[in-house]
Amino acid sequence: MKKMSITVSVSMQVSDFDEWKTMFDSRKSDREEAGINARAYRNVDEPNNACAIGTALSKEVFVSFFSQPVMQEALKNAGVLGPPEIKFLEEA
């Protein structure tokens, strides 16, 4: 039985959405290499709330990618103001 991917939702407060989006776009090839496909969204009611929603091969794959020091540094440099809220979802 083939393991299906999971959906991941990441929500974070940022000091400047455009700055965060530039960083997000610049990391596309890194995400693809890790088997992660994601799109960026801005919260309509909270312009400084950045969201990324996508798929990963597994929770472990996503956590491994997101926990890398280079990724944490990129988030910090992009103006992320605190720990993101991450939700792992599977289709019901």
PDB file of N, CA and C in Angstrom:
ATOM      1  N   MET A   1       0.849  -1.188   0.000  1.00  0.00           N
ATOM      2  CA  MET A   1       0.000   0.000   0.000  1.00  0.00           C
ATOM      3  C   MET A   1       0.892   1.248   0.000  1.00  0.00           C
ATOM      4  N   LYS A   2       0.649   2.131  -0.951  1.00  0.00           N
ATOM      5  CA  LYS A   2       1.461   3.332  -1.083  1.00  0.00           C
ATOM      6  C   LYS A   2       1.051   4.357  -0.026  1.00  0.00           C
ATOM      7  N   LYS A   3       2.059   4.916   0.640  1.00  0.00           N
ATOM      8  CA  LYS A   3       1.783   5.924   1.661  1.00  0.00           C
ATOM      9  C   LYS A   3       1.431   7.240   0.974  1.00  0.00           C
ATOM     10  N   MET A   4       0.343   7.836   1.381  1.00  0.00           N
ATOM     11  CA  MET A   4      -0.081   9.098   0.788  1.00  0.00           C
ATOM     12  C   MET A   4       0.577  10.255   1.524  1.00  0.00           C
ATOM     13  N   SER A   5       0.639  11.370   0.841  1.00  0.00           N
ATOM     14  CA  SER A   5       1.227  12.550   1.465  1.00  0.00           C
ATOM     15  C   SER A   5       0.256  13.151   2.480  1.00  0.00           C
ATOM     16  N   ILE A   6       0.799  14.034   3.293  1.00  0.00           N
ATOM     17  CA  ILE A   6      -0.027  14.748   4.260  1.00  0.00           C
ATOM     18  C   ILE A   6      -0.107  16.211   3.845  1.00  0.00           C
ATOM     19  N   THR A   7      -1.133  16.891   4.320  1.00  0.00           N
ATOM     20  CA  THR A   7      -1.269  18.328   4.095  1.00  0.00           C
ATOM     21  C   THR A   7      -0.742  19.038   5.331  1.00  0.00           C
ATOM     22  N   VAL A   8      -0.003  20.113   5.087  1.00  0.00           N
ATOM     23  CA  VAL A   8       0.588  20.882   6.176  1.00  0.00           C
ATOM     24  C   VAL A   8       0.118  22.328   6.056  1.00  0.00           C
ATOM     25  N   SER A   9      -0.304  22.892   7.180  1.00  0.00           N
ATOM     26  CA  SER A   9      -0.700  24.297   7.256  1.00  0.00           C
ATOM     27  C   SER A   9       0.219  24.986   8.258  1.00  0.00           C
ATOM     28  N   VAL A  10       0.881  26.048   7.801  1.00  0.00           N
ATOM     29  CA  VAL A  10       1.791  26.802   8.665  1.00  0.00           C
ATOM     30  C   VAL A  10       1.305  28.245   8.695  1.00  0.00           C
ATOM     31  N   SER A  11       1.063  28.758   9.889  1.00  0.00           N
ATOM     32  CA  SER A  11       0.590  30.129  10.062  1.00  0.00           C
ATOM     33  C   SER A  11       1.562  30.859  10.981  1.00  0.00           C
ATOM     34  N   MET A  12       1.959  32.081  10.576  1.00  0.00           N
ATOM     35  CA  MET A  12       2.919  32.826  11.400  1.00  0.00           C
ATOM     36  C   MET A  12       2.701  34.323  11.265  1.00  0.00           C
ATOM     37  N   GLN A  13       3.024  35.027  12.334  1.00  0.00           N
ATOM     38  CA  GLN A  13       2.992  36.485  12.318  1.00  0.00           C
ATOM     39  C   GLN A  13       4.325  36.971  11.769  1.00  0.00           C
ATOM     40  N   VAL A  14       4.259  37.947  10.863  1.00  0.00           N
ATOM     41  CA  VAL A  14       5.468  38.494  10.253  1.00  0.00           C
ATOM     42  C   VAL A  14       5.450  40.013  10.355  1.00  0.00           C
ATOM     43  N   SER A  15       6.638  40.597  10.379  1.00  0.00           N
ATOM     44  CA  SER A  15       6.711  42.057  10.461  1.00  0.00           C
ATOM     45  C   SER A  15       6.378  42.697   9.118  1.00  0.00           C
ATOM     46  N   ASP A  16       6.650  41.992   8.016  1.00  0.00           N
ATOM     47  CA  ASP A  16       6.406  42.528   6.675  1.00  0.00           C
ATOM     48  C   ASP A  16       6.095  41.352   5.749  1.00  0.00           C
ATOM     49  N   PHE A  17       4.855  41.276   5.291  1.00  0.00           N
ATOM     50  CA  PHE A  17       4.448  40.129   4.479  1.00  0.00           C
ATOM     51  C   PHE A  17       5.282  40.008   3.214  1.00  0.00           C
ATOM     52  N   ASP A  18       5.534  41.122   2.537  1.00  0.00           N
ATOM     53  CA  ASP A  18       6.270  41.067   1.271  1.00  0.00           C
ATOM     54  C   ASP A  18       7.689  40.536   1.466  1.00  0.00           C
ATOM     55  N   GLU A  19       8.304  40.907   2.566  1.00  0.00           N
ATOM     56  CA  GLU A  19       9.648  40.406   2.885  1.00  0.00           C
ATOM     57  C   GLU A  19       9.598  38.891   3.110  1.00  0.00           C
ATOM     58  N   TRP A  20       8.598  38.441   3.857  1.00  0.00           N
ATOM     59  CA  TRP A  20       8.438  37.006   4.089  1.00  0.00           C
ATOM     60  C   TRP A  20       8.182  36.271   2.773  1.00  0.00           C
ATOM     61  N   LYS A  21       7.309  36.834   1.924  1.00  0.00           N
ATOM     62  CA  LYS A  21       6.957  36.191   0.645  1.00  0.00           C
ATOM     63  C   LYS A  21       8.182  36.062  -0.257  1.00  0.00           C
ATOM     64  N   THR A  22       9.059  37.061  -0.246  1.00  0.00           N
ATOM     65  CA  THR A  22      10.296  36.989  -1.025  1.00  0.00           C
ATOM     66  C   THR A  22      11.139  35.803  -0.570  1.00  0.00           C
ATOM     67  N   MET A  23      11.266  35.628   0.745  1.00  0.00           N
ATOM     68  CA  MET A  23      12.017  34.493   1.285  1.00  0.00           C
ATOM     69  C   MET A  23      11.335  33.185   0.893  1.00  0.00           C
ATOM     70  N   PHE A  24      10.018  33.118   1.044  1.00  0.00           N
ATOM     71  CA  PHE A  24       9.264  31.907   0.719  1.00  0.00           C
ATOM     72  C   PHE A  24       9.505  31.509  -0.735  1.00  0.00           C
ATOM     73  N   ASP A  25       9.387  32.465  -1.633  1.00  0.00           N
ATOM     74  CA  ASP A  25       9.580  32.187  -3.057  1.00  0.00           C
ATOM     75  C   ASP A  25      11.004  31.719  -3.351  1.00  0.00           C
ATOM     76  N   SER A  26      11.973  32.282  -2.658  1.00  0.00           N
ATOM     77  CA  SER A  26      13.379  31.943  -2.911  1.00  0.00           C
ATOM     78  C   SER A  26      13.732  30.522  -2.461  1.00  0.00           C
ATOM     79  N   ARG A  27      12.904  29.911  -1.639  1.00  0.00           N
ATOM     80  CA  ARG A  27      13.197  28.573  -1.103  1.00  0.00           C
ATOM     81  C   ARG A  27      12.427  27.464  -1.833  1.00  0.00           C
ATOM     82  N   LYS A  28      11.798  27.802  -2.950  1.00  0.00           N
ATOM     83  CA  LYS A  28      10.976  26.821  -3.675  1.00  0.00           C
ATOM     84  C   LYS A  28      11.767  25.570  -4.048  1.00  0.00           C
ATOM     85  N   SER A  29      12.955  25.721  -4.608  1.00  0.00           N
ATOM     86  CA  SER A  29      13.722  24.543  -5.032  1.00  0.00           C
ATOM     87  C   SER A  29      14.128  23.690  -3.833  1.00  0.00           C
ATOM     88  N   ASP A  30      14.406  24.328  -2.687  1.00  0.00           N
ATOM     89  CA  ASP A  30      14.735  23.573  -1.469  1.00  0.00           C
ATOM     90  C   ASP A  30      13.537  22.737  -1.020  1.00  0.00           C
ATOM     91  N   ARG A  31      12.343  23.340  -1.082  1.00  0.00           N
ATOM     92  CA  ARG A  31      11.130  22.605  -0.708  1.00  0.00           C
ATOM     93  C   ARG A  31      10.910  21.427  -1.654  1.00  0.00           C
ATOM     94  N   GLU A  32      11.046  21.680  -2.947  1.00  0.00           N
ATOM     95  CA  GLU A  32      10.819  20.623  -3.934  1.00  0.00           C
ATOM     96  C   GLU A  32      11.797  19.468  -3.740  1.00  0.00           C
ATOM     97  N   GLU A  33      13.066  19.783  -3.460  1.00  0.00           N
ATOM     98  CA  GLU A  33      14.069  18.744  -3.202  1.00  0.00           C
ATOM     99  C   GLU A  33      13.673  17.863  -2.021  1.00  0.00           C
ATOM    100  N   ALA A  34      13.013  18.468  -1.031  1.00  0.00           N
ATOM    101  CA  ALA A  34      12.596  17.735   0.167  1.00  0.00           C
ATOM    102  C   ALA A  34      11.253  17.024  -0.025  1.00  0.00           C
ATOM    103  N   GLY A  35      10.633  17.193  -1.203  1.00  0.00           N
ATOM    104  CA  GLY A  35       9.345  16.556  -1.446  1.00  0.00           C
ATOM    105  C   GLY A  35       8.182  17.341  -0.862  1.00  0.00           C
ATOM    106  N   ILE A  36       8.389  18.655  -0.708  1.00  0.00           N
ATOM    107  CA  ILE A  36       7.354  19.525  -0.143  1.00  0.00           C
ATOM    108  C   ILE A  36       6.864  20.468  -1.234  1.00  0.00           C
ATOM    109  N   ASN A  37       5.549  20.543  -1.386  1.00  0.00           N
ATOM    110  CA  ASN A  37       4.936  21.433  -2.366  1.00  0.00           C
ATOM    111  C   ASN A  37       4.018  22.367  -1.584  1.00  0.00           C
ATOM    112  N   ALA A  38       4.275  23.678  -1.647  1.00  0.00           N
ATOM    113  CA  ALA A  38       3.484  24.610  -0.834  1.00  0.00           C
ATOM    114  C   ALA A  38       3.226  25.911  -1.577  1.00  0.00           C
ATOM    115  N   ARG A  39       2.143  26.566  -1.184  1.00  0.00           N
ATOM    116  CA  ARG A  39       1.797  27.887  -1.714  1.00  0.00           C
ATOM    117  C   ARG A  39       1.635  28.849  -0.546  1.00  0.00           C
ATOM    118  N   ALA A  40       1.914  30.113  -0.817  1.00  0.00           N
ATOM    119  CA  ALA A  40       1.830  31.149   0.215  1.00  0.00           C
ATOM    120  C   ALA A  40       0.483  31.859   0.144  1.00  0.00           C
ATOM    121  N   TYR A  41      -0.011  32.245   1.317  1.00  0.00           N
ATOM    122  CA  TYR A  41      -1.272  32.976   1.433  1.00  0.00           C
ATOM    123  C   TYR A  41      -1.122  34.079   2.465  1.00  0.00           C
ATOM    124  N   ARG A  42      -1.879  35.161   2.251  1.00  0.00           N
ATOM    125  CA  ARG A  42      -1.953  36.239   3.238  1.00  0.00           C
ATOM    126  C   ARG A  42      -3.356  36.203   3.835  1.00  0.00           C
ATOM    127  N   ASN A  43      -3.434  36.307   5.153  1.00  0.00           N
ATOM    128  CA  ASN A  43      -4.719  36.338   5.848  1.00  0.00           C
ATOM    129  C   ASN A  43      -5.414  37.658   5.515  1.00  0.00           C
ATOM    130  N   VAL A  44      -6.603  37.593   4.948  1.00  0.00           N
ATOM    131  CA  VAL A  44      -7.342  38.785   4.530  1.00  0.00           C
ATOM    132  C   VAL A  44      -7.615  39.716   5.711  1.00  0.00           C
ATOM    133  N   ASP A  45      -7.923  39.152   6.870  1.00  0.00           N
ATOM    134  CA  ASP A  45      -8.270  39.954   8.041  1.00  0.00           C
ATOM    135  C   ASP A  45      -7.062  40.374   8.867  1.00  0.00           C
ATOM    136  N   GLU A  46      -5.923  39.741   8.655  1.00  0.00           N
ATOM    137  CA  GLU A  46      -4.688  40.069   9.382  1.00  0.00           C
ATOM    138  C   GLU A  46      -3.535  40.096   8.376  1.00  0.00           C
ATOM    139  N   PRO A  47      -3.276  41.260   7.764  1.00  0.00           N
ATOM    140  CA  PRO A  47      -2.269  41.350   6.695  1.00  0.00           C
ATOM    141  C   PRO A  47      -0.867  40.883   7.089  1.00  0.00           C
ATOM    142  N   ASN A  48      -0.536  40.891   8.371  1.00  0.00           N
ATOM    143  CA  ASN A  48       0.786  40.432   8.800  1.00  0.00           C
ATOM    144  C   ASN A  48       0.768  38.974   9.254  1.00  0.00           C
ATOM    145  N   ASN A  49      -0.286  38.251   8.887  1.00  0.00           N
ATOM    146  CA  ASN A  49      -0.349  36.813   9.152  1.00  0.00           C
ATOM    147  C   ASN A  49      -0.088  36.096   7.836  1.00  0.00           C
ATOM    148  N   ALA A  50       1.085  35.472   7.742  1.00  0.00           N
ATOM    149  CA  ALA A  50       1.468  34.722   6.551  1.00  0.00           C
ATOM    150  C   ALA A  50       1.135  33.254   6.767  1.00  0.00           C
ATOM    151  N   CYS A  51       0.632  32.622   5.726  1.00  0.00           N
ATOM    152  CA  CYS A  51       0.295  31.205   5.795  1.00  0.00           C
ATOM    153  C   CYS A  51       0.905  30.484   4.603  1.00  0.00           C
ATOM    154  N   ALA A  52       1.336  29.283   4.844  1.00  0.00           N
ATOM    155  CA  ALA A  52       1.785  28.404   3.770  1.00  0.00           C
ATOM    156  C   ALA A  52       1.015  27.105   3.926  1.00  0.00           C
ATOM    157  N   ILE A  53       0.428  26.657   2.835  1.00  0.00           N
ATOM    158  CA  ILE A  53      -0.343  25.425   2.852  1.00  0.00           C
ATOM    159  C   ILE A  53       0.169  24.555   1.716  1.00  0.00           C
ATOM    160  N   GLY A  54       0.422  23.304   2.034  1.00  0.00           N
ATOM    161  CA  GLY A  54       0.934  22.421   1.000  1.00  0.00           C
ATOM    162  C   GLY A  54       0.947  20.981   1.439  1.00  0.00           C
ATOM    163  N   THR A  55       1.733  20.190   0.726  1.00  0.00           N
ATOM    164  CA  THR A  55       1.830  18.772   1.025  1.00  0.00           C
ATOM    165  C   THR A  55       3.286  18.377   1.250  1.00  0.00           C
ATOM    166  N   ALA A  56       3.456  17.345   2.047  1.00  0.00           N
ATOM    167  CA  ALA A  56       4.774  16.759   2.300  1.00  0.00           C
ATOM    168  C   ALA A  56       4.605  15.244   2.277  1.00  0.00           C
ATOM    169  N   LEU A  57       5.693  14.545   2.029  1.00  0.00           N
ATOM    170  CA  LEU A  57       5.624  13.083   1.978  1.00  0.00           C
ATOM    171  C   LEU A  57       5.206  12.492   3.313  1.00  0.00           C
ATOM    172  N   SER A  58       5.604  13.151   4.415  1.00  0.00           N
ATOM    173  CA  SER A  58       5.232  12.698   5.755  1.00  0.00           C
ATOM    174  C   SER A  58       5.468  13.841   6.736  1.00  0.00           C
ATOM    175  N   LYS A  59       4.937  13.684   7.933  1.00  0.00           N
ATOM    176  CA  LYS A  59       5.177  14.665   8.990  1.00  0.00           C
ATOM    177  C   LYS A  59       6.670  14.754   9.274  1.00  0.00           C
ATOM    178  N   GLU A  60       7.332  13.609   9.307  1.00  0.00           N
ATOM    179  CA  GLU A  60       8.768  13.567   9.612  1.00  0.00           C
ATOM    180  C   GLU A  60       9.582  14.320   8.567  1.00  0.00           C
ATOM    181  N   VAL A  61       9.219  14.172   7.294  1.00  0.00           N
ATOM    182  CA  VAL A  61       9.923  14.884   6.220  1.00  0.00           C
ATOM    183  C   VAL A  61       9.790  16.386   6.422  1.00  0.00           C
ATOM    184  N   PHE A  62       8.567  16.844   6.728  1.00  0.00           N
ATOM    185  CA  PHE A  62       8.356  18.274   6.915  1.00  0.00           C
ATOM    186  C   PHE A  62       9.124  18.790   8.128  1.00  0.00           C
ATOM    187  N   VAL A  63       9.024  18.099   9.251  1.00  0.00           N
ATOM    188  CA  VAL A  63       9.704  18.538  10.476  1.00  0.00           C
ATOM    189  C   VAL A  63      11.213  18.594  10.254  1.00  0.00           C
ATOM    190  N   SER A  64      11.754  17.607   9.574  1.00  0.00           N
ATOM    191  CA  SER A  64      13.187  17.589   9.289  1.00  0.00           C
ATOM    192  C   SER A  64      13.589  18.802   8.451  1.00  0.00           C
ATOM    193  N   PHE A  65      12.809  19.113   7.426  1.00  0.00           N
ATOM    194  CA  PHE A  65      13.095  20.267   6.565  1.00  0.00           C
ATOM    195  C   PHE A  65      12.958  21.573   7.338  1.00  0.00           C
ATOM    196  N   PHE A  66      11.847  21.720   8.056  1.00  0.00           N
ATOM    197  CA  PHE A  66      11.532  22.981   8.733  1.00  0.00           C
ATOM    198  C   PHE A  66      12.471  23.250   9.906  1.00  0.00           C
ATOM    199  N   SER A  67      13.041  22.197  10.481  1.00  0.00           N
ATOM    200  CA  SER A  67      13.917  22.332  11.650  1.00  0.00           C
ATOM    201  C   SER A  67      15.371  22.633  11.295  1.00  0.00           C
ATOM    202  N   GLN A  68      15.721  22.567  10.032  1.00  0.00           N
ATOM    203  CA  GLN A  68      17.102  22.830   9.629  1.00  0.00           C
ATOM    204  C   GLN A  68      17.532  24.220  10.085  1.00  0.00           C
ATOM    205  N   PRO A  69      18.754  24.360  10.591  1.00  0.00           N
ATOM    206  CA  PRO A  69      19.242  25.683  11.009  1.00  0.00           C
ATOM    207  C   PRO A  69      19.139  26.732   9.901  1.00  0.00           C
ATOM    208  N   VAL A  70      19.413  26.346   8.657  1.00  0.00           N
ATOM    209  CA  VAL A  70      19.332  27.307   7.554  1.00  0.00           C
ATOM    210  C   VAL A  70      17.890  27.791   7.356  1.00  0.00           C
ATOM    211  N   MET A  71      16.924  26.914   7.576  1.00  0.00           N
ATOM    212  CA  MET A  71      15.517  27.302   7.455  1.00  0.00           C
ATOM    213  C   MET A  71      15.110  28.214   8.604  1.00  0.00           C
ATOM    214  N   GLN A  72      15.522  27.879   9.810  1.00  0.00           N
ATOM    215  CA  GLN A  72      15.201  28.713  10.968  1.00  0.00           C
ATOM    216  C   GLN A  72      15.809  30.105  10.814  1.00  0.00           C
ATOM    217  N   GLU A  73      17.024  30.175  10.296  1.00  0.00           N
ATOM    218  CA  GLU A  73      17.679  31.463  10.065  1.00  0.00           C
ATOM    219  C   GLU A  73      16.939  32.261   8.990  1.00  0.00           C
ATOM    220  N   ALA A  74      16.486  31.588   7.935  1.00  0.00           N
ATOM    221  CA  ALA A  74      15.737  32.255   6.867  1.00  0.00           C
ATOM    222  C   ALA A  74      14.432  32.838   7.403  1.00  0.00           C
ATOM    223  N   LEU A  75      13.736  32.088   8.257  1.00  0.00           N
ATOM    224  CA  LEU A  75      12.493  32.586   8.853  1.00  0.00           C
ATOM    225  C   LEU A  75      12.757  33.821   9.707  1.00  0.00           C
ATOM    226  N   LYS A  76      13.790  33.746  10.520  1.00  0.00           N
ATOM    227  CA  LYS A  76      14.148  34.872  11.388  1.00  0.00           C
ATOM    228  C   LYS A  76      14.486  36.104  10.548  1.00  0.00           C
ATOM    229  N   ASN A  77      15.288  35.907   9.508  1.00  0.00           N
ATOM    230  CA  ASN A  77      15.693  37.021   8.650  1.00  0.00           C
ATOM    231  C   ASN A  77      14.534  37.589   7.843  1.00  0.00           C
ATOM    232  N   ALA A  78      13.485  36.792   7.637  1.00  0.00           N
ATOM    233  CA  ALA A  78      12.319  37.243   6.879  1.00  0.00           C
ATOM    234  C   ALA A  78      11.286  37.934   7.763  1.00  0.00           C
ATOM    235  N   GLY A  79      11.599  38.123   9.036  1.00  0.00           N
ATOM    236  CA  GLY A  79      10.710  38.875   9.912  1.00  0.00           C
ATOM    237  C   GLY A  79       9.625  38.072  10.595  1.00  0.00           C
ATOM    238  N   VAL A  80       9.797  36.755  10.696  1.00  0.00           N
ATOM    239  CA  VAL A  80       8.823  35.948  11.440  1.00  0.00           C
ATOM    240  C   VAL A  80       8.961  36.306  12.916  1.00  0.00           C
ATOM    241  N   LEU A  81       7.842  36.647  13.555  1.00  0.00           N
ATOM    242  CA  LEU A  81       7.863  37.231  14.898  1.00  0.00           C
ATOM    243  C   LEU A  81       7.792  36.236  16.048  1.00  0.00           C
ATOM    244  N   GLY A  82       7.564  35.000  15.774  1.00  0.00           N
ATOM    245  CA  GLY A  82       7.483  34.014  16.855  1.00  0.00           C
ATOM    246  C   GLY A  82       7.311  32.636  16.271  1.00  0.00           C
ATOM    247  N   PRO A  83       7.155  31.654  17.128  1.00  0.00           N
ATOM    248  CA  PRO A  83       6.979  30.290  16.629  1.00  0.00           C
ATOM    249  C   PRO A  83       5.718  30.181  15.770  1.00  0.00           C
ATOM    250  N   PRO A  84       5.812  29.526  14.621  1.00  0.00           N
ATOM    251  CA  PRO A  84       4.629  29.359  13.777  1.00  0.00           C
ATOM    252  C   PRO A  84       3.683  28.321  14.359  1.00  0.00           C
ATOM    253  N   GLU A  85       2.439  28.402  13.948  1.00  0.00           N
ATOM    254  CA  GLU A  85       1.449  27.379  14.296  1.00  0.00           C
ATOM    255  C   GLU A  85       1.408  26.402  13.130  1.00  0.00           C
ATOM    256  N   ILE A  86       1.763  25.158  13.391  1.00  0.00           N
ATOM    257  CA  ILE A  86       1.831  24.147  12.338  1.00  0.00           C
ATOM    258  C   ILE A  86       0.779  23.081  12.601  1.00  0.00           C
ATOM    259  N   LYS A  87       0.007  22.763  11.555  1.00  0.00           N
ATOM    260  CA  LYS A  87      -1.001  21.702  11.655  1.00  0.00           C
ATOM    261  C   LYS A  87      -0.735  20.679  10.561  1.00  0.00           C
ATOM    262  N   PHE A  88      -0.767  19.417  10.945  1.00  0.00           N
ATOM    263  CA  PHE A  88      -0.602  18.313  10.007  1.00  0.00           C
ATOM    264  C   PHE A  88      -1.972  17.683   9.798  1.00  0.00           C
ATOM    265  N   LEU A  89      -2.404  17.612   8.551  1.00  0.00           N
ATOM    266  CA  LEU A  89      -3.753  17.157   8.236  1.00  0.00           C
ATOM    267  C   LEU A  89      -3.707  15.961   7.296  1.00  0.00           C
ATOM    268  N   GLU A  90      -4.642  15.048   7.501  1.00  0.00           N
ATOM    269  CA  GLU A  90      -4.791  13.947   6.555  1.00  0.00           C
ATOM    270  C   GLU A  90      -6.225  13.945   6.062  1.00  0.00           C
ATOM    271  N   GLU A  91      -6.384  13.567   4.808  1.00  0.00           N
ATOM    272  CA  GLU A  91      -7.714  13.558   4.219  1.00  0.00           C
ATOM    273  C   GLU A  91      -8.579  12.515   4.907  1.00  0.00           C
ATOM    274  N   ALA A  92      -9.813  12.899   5.196  1.00  0.00           N
ATOM    275  CA  ALA A  92     -10.731  11.989   5.893  1.00  0.00           C
ATOM    276  C   ALA A  92     -11.606  11.249   4.898  1.00  0.00           C
TER     277      ALA A  92
END
